[in-house]
N, C-alpha and C. Protein backbone atom coordinates (compact mmCIF):
# COMPACT_ATOMS: atom_id res chain seq x y z
N MET A 1 -76.91 24.63 23.79
CA MET A 1 -75.58 24.12 22.97
C MET A 1 -74.57 23.97 24.09
N ASP A 2 -73.69 23.02 23.94
CA ASP A 2 -72.64 23.11 24.89
C ASP A 2 -71.46 23.69 24.14
N GLU A 3 -70.29 23.78 24.72
CA GLU A 3 -69.14 24.45 24.26
C GLU A 3 -68.67 23.88 22.81
N LYS A 4 -68.68 22.63 22.75
CA LYS A 4 -68.36 21.86 21.60
C LYS A 4 -69.07 22.39 20.55
N GLU A 5 -70.48 22.22 20.72
CA GLU A 5 -71.34 22.57 19.57
C GLU A 5 -71.28 24.17 19.31
N LEU A 6 -71.03 24.91 20.18
CA LEU A 6 -70.99 26.19 19.79
C LEU A 6 -69.69 26.50 18.93
N ILE A 7 -68.58 25.83 19.27
CA ILE A 7 -67.46 26.03 18.42
C ILE A 7 -67.54 25.40 16.98
N GLN A 8 -68.22 24.38 16.91
CA GLN A 8 -68.78 23.82 15.67
C GLN A 8 -69.67 24.84 14.73
N GLN A 9 -70.72 25.45 15.39
CA GLN A 9 -71.45 26.17 14.85
C GLN A 9 -70.52 27.44 14.24
N TRP A 10 -69.64 27.92 15.14
CA TRP A 10 -68.73 28.97 14.82
C TRP A 10 -67.79 28.74 13.65
N ASN A 11 -67.23 27.45 13.48
CA ASN A 11 -66.78 26.96 12.38
C ASN A 11 -67.55 27.09 10.89
N LYS A 12 -68.79 26.52 11.23
CA LYS A 12 -69.69 26.45 10.12
C LYS A 12 -69.87 28.00 9.51
N LEU A 13 -70.07 28.87 10.34
CA LEU A 13 -70.38 30.30 10.02
C LEU A 13 -69.16 30.86 9.43
N ARG A 14 -68.09 30.52 9.79
CA ARG A 14 -66.77 31.08 9.07
C ARG A 14 -66.75 30.60 7.63
N ALA A 15 -67.00 29.15 7.55
CA ALA A 15 -66.94 28.60 6.40
C ALA A 15 -68.09 29.08 5.40
N GLN A 16 -69.13 29.39 5.91
CA GLN A 16 -70.21 30.17 5.11
C GLN A 16 -69.80 31.51 4.72
N ILE A 17 -68.95 32.25 5.30
CA ILE A 17 -68.53 33.51 4.80
C ILE A 17 -67.53 33.20 3.83
N ILE A 18 -66.67 32.13 3.81
CA ILE A 18 -65.66 32.06 2.87
C ILE A 18 -66.24 31.76 1.63
N GLN A 19 -67.49 30.51 1.66
CA GLN A 19 -68.17 30.28 0.57
C GLN A 19 -68.94 31.27 -0.07
N ALA A 20 -69.36 32.06 0.54
CA ALA A 20 -70.25 33.20 -0.03
C ALA A 20 -69.30 34.28 -0.97
N GLN A 21 -67.78 33.90 -0.55
CA GLN A 21 -67.02 34.90 -1.61
C GLN A 21 -66.68 34.16 -3.04
N VAL A 22 -66.92 32.89 -2.94
CA VAL A 22 -66.36 32.28 -4.23
C VAL A 22 -67.16 32.70 -5.61
N GLY A 23 -68.40 32.85 -5.64
CA GLY A 23 -68.89 33.24 -6.74
C GLY A 23 -68.81 34.77 -7.17
N PRO A 24 -68.51 35.69 -6.33
CA PRO A 24 -68.32 36.96 -6.68
C PRO A 24 -66.90 37.05 -7.09
N ALA A 25 -66.11 36.18 -6.42
CA ALA A 25 -64.57 36.28 -6.83
C ALA A 25 -64.31 35.81 -8.36
N LEU A 26 -65.35 34.69 -8.65
CA LEU A 26 -65.26 34.17 -10.06
C LEU A 26 -65.68 35.38 -11.08
N VAL A 27 -66.74 36.02 -10.82
CA VAL A 27 -67.21 37.11 -11.43
C VAL A 27 -66.17 38.20 -11.66
N LEU A 28 -65.57 38.44 -10.63
CA LEU A 28 -64.53 39.64 -10.62
C LEU A 28 -63.26 38.90 -11.42
N ILE A 29 -63.05 37.81 -11.35
CA ILE A 29 -61.73 37.25 -12.31
C ILE A 29 -62.25 37.59 -13.74
N ALA A 30 -63.45 37.10 -14.16
CA ALA A 30 -63.84 37.33 -15.48
C ALA A 30 -63.89 38.85 -15.84
N ILE A 31 -64.25 39.46 -15.09
CA ILE A 31 -64.33 41.01 -15.47
C ILE A 31 -63.04 41.48 -15.60
N THR A 32 -62.36 41.23 -14.65
CA THR A 32 -60.61 41.78 -14.59
C THR A 32 -59.91 41.19 -15.82
N VAL A 33 -60.35 39.95 -16.33
CA VAL A 33 -59.71 39.52 -17.64
C VAL A 33 -59.95 40.07 -18.73
N LEU A 34 -61.61 40.31 -18.84
CA LEU A 34 -62.15 40.81 -19.96
C LEU A 34 -61.87 42.38 -20.09
N SER A 35 -61.88 43.02 -18.97
CA SER A 35 -61.45 44.62 -18.89
C SER A 35 -59.97 44.75 -19.29
N SER A 36 -58.97 43.84 -18.87
CA SER A 36 -57.70 43.99 -19.20
C SER A 36 -57.35 43.76 -20.58
N LEU A 37 -58.16 42.97 -21.15
CA LEU A 37 -57.95 42.76 -22.65
C LEU A 37 -58.72 43.55 -23.69
N HIS A 38 -59.63 44.73 -22.95
CA HIS A 38 -60.16 45.68 -23.65
C HIS A 38 -61.57 45.22 -24.53
N ILE A 39 -61.97 44.25 -23.71
CA ILE A 39 -63.29 43.73 -24.67
C ILE A 39 -64.30 44.40 -24.37
N PHE A 40 -64.37 45.22 -23.01
CA PHE A 40 -65.50 45.94 -22.85
C PHE A 40 -65.79 47.28 -23.80
N HIS A 41 -64.54 47.54 -24.14
CA HIS A 41 -64.42 48.97 -24.98
C HIS A 41 -65.39 48.76 -26.21
N LYS A 42 -65.00 47.32 -26.95
CA LYS A 42 -65.76 47.07 -28.06
C LYS A 42 -67.20 46.46 -27.88
N ALA A 43 -67.46 46.12 -26.62
CA ALA A 43 -68.66 45.50 -26.70
C ALA A 43 -69.88 46.48 -26.53
N PRO A 44 -70.95 45.77 -26.93
CA PRO A 44 -72.18 46.70 -27.10
C PRO A 44 -72.82 47.25 -25.55
N ASP A 45 -73.46 48.24 -25.39
CA ASP A 45 -73.90 48.67 -23.97
C ASP A 45 -74.57 47.59 -23.34
N SER A 46 -75.36 46.86 -24.08
CA SER A 46 -76.16 45.81 -23.38
C SER A 46 -75.34 44.72 -22.58
N ALA A 47 -74.13 44.20 -23.32
CA ALA A 47 -73.15 43.29 -22.69
C ALA A 47 -72.69 44.04 -21.58
N LYS A 48 -72.36 45.28 -21.46
CA LYS A 48 -71.61 46.01 -20.30
C LYS A 48 -72.69 46.09 -19.27
N TYR A 49 -73.87 46.35 -19.49
CA TYR A 49 -75.03 46.49 -18.32
C TYR A 49 -75.29 45.01 -17.84
N LEU A 50 -75.26 44.07 -18.71
CA LEU A 50 -75.35 42.57 -18.26
C LEU A 50 -74.12 42.32 -17.48
N ALA A 51 -72.90 42.67 -17.69
CA ALA A 51 -71.81 42.53 -16.72
C ALA A 51 -71.92 43.02 -15.52
N LEU A 52 -72.33 44.35 -15.47
CA LEU A 52 -72.55 45.27 -14.28
C LEU A 52 -73.91 44.62 -13.59
N GLY A 53 -74.72 44.08 -14.02
CA GLY A 53 -75.94 43.40 -13.44
C GLY A 53 -75.70 42.07 -12.47
N VAL A 54 -74.71 41.37 -13.45
CA VAL A 54 -74.34 40.15 -12.80
C VAL A 54 -73.38 40.18 -11.69
N ALA A 55 -72.47 41.31 -11.95
CA ALA A 55 -71.59 41.80 -10.78
C ALA A 55 -72.33 41.95 -9.54
N ALA A 56 -73.16 42.99 -9.82
CA ALA A 56 -74.04 43.40 -8.68
C ALA A 56 -74.96 42.46 -8.01
N ALA A 57 -75.48 41.73 -8.68
CA ALA A 57 -76.31 40.50 -8.15
C ALA A 57 -75.63 39.67 -7.22
N THR A 58 -74.62 39.19 -7.89
CA THR A 58 -73.63 38.13 -7.12
C THR A 58 -73.11 38.80 -6.00
N GLY A 59 -72.53 40.08 -6.00
CA GLY A 59 -72.00 40.75 -5.01
C GLY A 59 -72.94 40.87 -3.75
N PHE A 60 -74.26 41.52 -4.40
CA PHE A 60 -75.17 41.63 -3.16
C PHE A 60 -75.74 40.36 -2.55
N LEU A 61 -75.94 39.20 -3.07
CA LEU A 61 -76.47 38.19 -2.52
C LEU A 61 -75.08 37.60 -1.59
N ALA A 62 -73.90 37.75 -2.01
CA ALA A 62 -73.03 37.34 -1.06
C ALA A 62 -72.89 38.12 -0.03
N THR A 63 -73.16 39.55 0.12
CA THR A 63 -72.95 40.42 0.89
C THR A 63 -74.07 40.17 1.98
N ILE A 64 -75.22 39.69 1.67
CA ILE A 64 -76.36 39.31 2.31
C ILE A 64 -75.91 38.16 3.21
N SER A 65 -75.36 37.08 2.68
CA SER A 65 -75.06 35.88 3.18
C SER A 65 -74.03 35.88 4.27
N GLN A 66 -72.83 36.96 3.85
CA GLN A 66 -71.77 37.14 4.84
C GLN A 66 -72.46 37.88 6.01
N TYR A 67 -73.10 38.92 5.76
CA TYR A 67 -73.81 39.58 6.70
C TYR A 67 -74.66 38.83 7.80
N ALA A 68 -75.33 38.04 7.32
CA ALA A 68 -76.12 37.15 8.15
C ALA A 68 -75.38 36.27 8.97
N ALA A 69 -74.06 35.74 8.33
CA ALA A 69 -73.29 34.90 9.11
C ALA A 69 -72.60 35.70 10.31
N ILE A 70 -72.45 36.93 9.91
CA ILE A 70 -71.50 37.83 10.87
C ILE A 70 -72.51 38.05 12.16
N ARG A 71 -73.75 38.18 11.64
CA ARG A 71 -74.68 38.66 12.82
C ARG A 71 -75.15 37.38 13.83
N GLU A 72 -75.03 36.19 13.18
CA GLU A 72 -75.12 34.90 13.96
C GLU A 72 -74.03 34.72 14.71
N GLY A 73 -72.95 34.99 13.95
CA GLY A 73 -71.59 34.93 14.84
C GLY A 73 -71.86 35.76 16.18
N GLU A 74 -72.18 36.97 16.15
CA GLU A 74 -72.33 37.73 17.17
C GLU A 74 -73.10 37.22 18.16
N ALA A 75 -74.15 36.68 17.93
CA ALA A 75 -74.91 35.88 18.83
C ALA A 75 -74.34 34.91 19.38
N LEU A 76 -73.65 33.91 18.74
CA LEU A 76 -72.94 32.79 19.05
C LEU A 76 -71.87 33.37 20.19
N VAL A 77 -71.22 34.36 19.82
CA VAL A 77 -69.97 34.93 20.80
C VAL A 77 -70.75 35.16 22.35
N ALA A 78 -71.94 35.75 22.16
CA ALA A 78 -72.54 35.93 23.53
C ALA A 78 -72.79 34.74 24.12
N ASP A 79 -73.43 33.64 23.41
CA ASP A 79 -73.54 32.29 23.89
C ASP A 79 -72.01 31.75 24.66
N LEU A 80 -70.94 31.91 23.90
CA LEU A 80 -69.75 31.54 24.10
C LEU A 80 -69.33 32.14 25.55
N LYS A 81 -69.70 33.28 25.59
CA LYS A 81 -69.09 34.16 26.81
C LYS A 81 -70.00 33.48 27.97
N LYS A 82 -70.95 32.67 27.94
CA LYS A 82 -71.75 32.06 29.03
C LYS A 82 -71.20 30.74 29.60
N VAL A 83 -70.35 30.23 28.65
CA VAL A 83 -69.84 28.83 29.03
C VAL A 83 -68.96 28.82 30.27
N LYS A 84 -69.26 28.06 31.18
CA LYS A 84 -68.62 27.67 32.43
C LYS A 84 -67.38 26.97 32.10
N ASN A 85 -66.35 27.36 32.70
CA ASN A 85 -64.84 26.55 32.57
C ASN A 85 -64.39 26.66 31.02
N PRO A 86 -64.55 27.79 30.20
CA PRO A 86 -64.16 27.74 29.05
C PRO A 86 -62.69 27.27 28.69
N SER A 87 -62.40 26.80 27.49
CA SER A 87 -61.15 26.45 27.00
C SER A 87 -60.59 27.61 26.51
N ALA A 88 -59.21 27.58 26.06
CA ALA A 88 -58.62 28.80 25.60
C ALA A 88 -59.30 29.14 24.41
N LEU A 89 -59.53 28.38 23.47
CA LEU A 89 -60.19 28.38 22.21
C LEU A 89 -61.42 29.29 22.55
N THR A 90 -62.19 28.86 23.22
CA THR A 90 -63.65 29.35 23.53
C THR A 90 -63.56 30.88 24.03
N LYS A 91 -62.48 31.14 24.94
CA LYS A 91 -62.16 32.36 25.55
C LYS A 91 -61.94 33.38 24.18
N LYS A 92 -61.01 33.01 23.50
CA LYS A 92 -60.48 33.56 22.34
C LYS A 92 -61.77 34.09 21.29
N ILE A 93 -62.48 32.93 20.96
CA ILE A 93 -63.65 33.37 20.06
C ILE A 93 -64.74 34.26 20.83
N ALA A 94 -64.83 34.04 22.08
CA ALA A 94 -65.89 34.73 23.02
C ALA A 94 -65.38 36.34 22.88
N ASN A 95 -64.19 36.60 22.64
CA ASN A 95 -63.74 37.86 22.54
C ASN A 95 -63.63 38.36 21.21
N SER A 96 -64.28 37.85 20.23
CA SER A 96 -64.27 38.22 18.96
C SER A 96 -65.36 39.25 18.55
N ARG A 97 -66.03 39.73 19.36
CA ARG A 97 -67.17 40.65 19.10
C ARG A 97 -66.84 41.83 18.30
N GLU A 98 -65.72 42.46 18.66
CA GLU A 98 -65.30 43.78 17.99
C GLU A 98 -64.68 43.50 16.56
N PHE A 99 -64.26 42.29 16.40
CA PHE A 99 -63.84 41.79 15.01
C PHE A 99 -64.72 41.36 14.29
N LEU A 100 -65.96 40.91 14.83
CA LEU A 100 -67.04 40.59 14.17
C LEU A 100 -67.84 42.04 13.45
N SER A 101 -67.76 42.90 14.41
CA SER A 101 -68.33 44.16 13.89
C SER A 101 -67.39 44.90 12.84
N LEU A 102 -66.14 44.77 13.07
CA LEU A 102 -65.16 45.35 11.99
C LEU A 102 -65.43 44.51 10.73
N SER A 103 -65.58 43.18 10.82
CA SER A 103 -65.91 42.50 9.48
C SER A 103 -67.13 42.93 8.76
N ALA A 104 -68.18 43.12 9.52
CA ALA A 104 -69.32 43.41 9.04
C ALA A 104 -69.29 44.96 8.29
N ILE A 105 -68.43 45.69 8.70
CA ILE A 105 -68.24 47.11 8.15
C ILE A 105 -67.49 46.93 6.88
N ALA A 106 -66.30 46.13 6.99
CA ALA A 106 -65.34 45.67 5.98
C ALA A 106 -66.28 45.20 4.82
N VAL A 107 -66.95 44.34 5.01
CA VAL A 107 -67.82 43.55 3.93
C VAL A 107 -68.50 44.44 3.23
N VAL A 108 -69.34 45.29 3.79
CA VAL A 108 -70.15 46.30 3.09
C VAL A 108 -69.08 47.44 2.38
N GLY A 109 -68.40 47.83 3.05
CA GLY A 109 -67.36 48.81 2.53
C GLY A 109 -66.65 48.48 1.32
N LEU A 110 -65.86 47.24 1.51
CA LEU A 110 -65.20 46.84 0.49
C LEU A 110 -66.09 46.37 -0.82
N ASP A 111 -67.28 45.93 -0.62
CA ASP A 111 -68.24 45.70 -1.58
C ASP A 111 -68.51 46.95 -2.64
N ILE A 112 -68.84 47.96 -1.83
CA ILE A 112 -69.05 49.08 -2.26
C ILE A 112 -68.00 49.79 -3.15
N ALA A 113 -66.90 49.68 -2.64
CA ALA A 113 -65.62 50.12 -3.41
C ALA A 113 -65.24 49.25 -4.55
N ILE A 114 -65.43 48.00 -4.40
CA ILE A 114 -65.22 46.97 -5.51
C ILE A 114 -66.17 47.23 -6.61
N PHE A 115 -67.40 47.51 -6.36
CA PHE A 115 -68.38 47.63 -7.41
C PHE A 115 -68.02 48.91 -8.20
N ALA A 116 -67.62 50.10 -7.64
CA ALA A 116 -67.44 51.20 -8.14
C ALA A 116 -66.18 50.97 -9.17
N LEU A 117 -65.08 50.12 -8.62
CA LEU A 117 -64.17 49.88 -9.64
C LEU A 117 -64.59 49.13 -10.97
N VAL A 118 -65.45 47.95 -10.51
CA VAL A 118 -66.23 47.35 -11.59
C VAL A 118 -66.96 48.25 -12.65
N VAL A 119 -67.65 49.19 -12.05
CA VAL A 119 -68.27 49.95 -13.04
C VAL A 119 -67.27 50.91 -13.81
N TRP A 120 -66.34 51.30 -13.22
CA TRP A 120 -65.34 52.04 -13.96
C TRP A 120 -64.60 51.18 -14.92
N ALA A 121 -64.19 49.84 -14.65
CA ALA A 121 -63.56 49.01 -15.62
C ALA A 121 -64.41 48.68 -16.80
N VAL A 122 -65.80 48.48 -16.53
CA VAL A 122 -66.76 47.99 -17.50
C VAL A 122 -67.10 49.33 -18.52
N LEU A 123 -67.38 50.34 -17.79
CA LEU A 123 -67.91 51.59 -18.52
C LEU A 123 -66.84 52.54 -19.11
N GLY A 124 -65.56 52.38 -18.30
CA GLY A 124 -64.61 53.40 -18.71
C GLY A 124 -64.09 53.44 -19.86
N LYS A 125 -63.56 54.33 -20.46
CA LYS A 125 -62.84 54.28 -21.97
C LYS A 125 -61.39 54.67 -22.00
């Protein structure tokens, strides 16, 4: 791949990470609204567990997708470092390895924290 193709791939991976957040964000919006209206307090346990299952499944699938895109981004960064006569943009992206590692940690850490809050919101009284 040449420099232009690598940058296009970089942009595709970034878009994939963003798109992977849409489904879980919609689920979290629904859970936030239902929780703030105290709907879960009156709901049967089966509905609460279904909400938790849907939140867990969408979050887990999004995490896998985001993590895969980050790992592919790390490989892409390594390829960009090998480009001869790189543009300023290529140099900036090629120096993003630490940012990608931080992003991978943040994705997993924040997902765990958010799921804990979802459990609290759904099952709390």
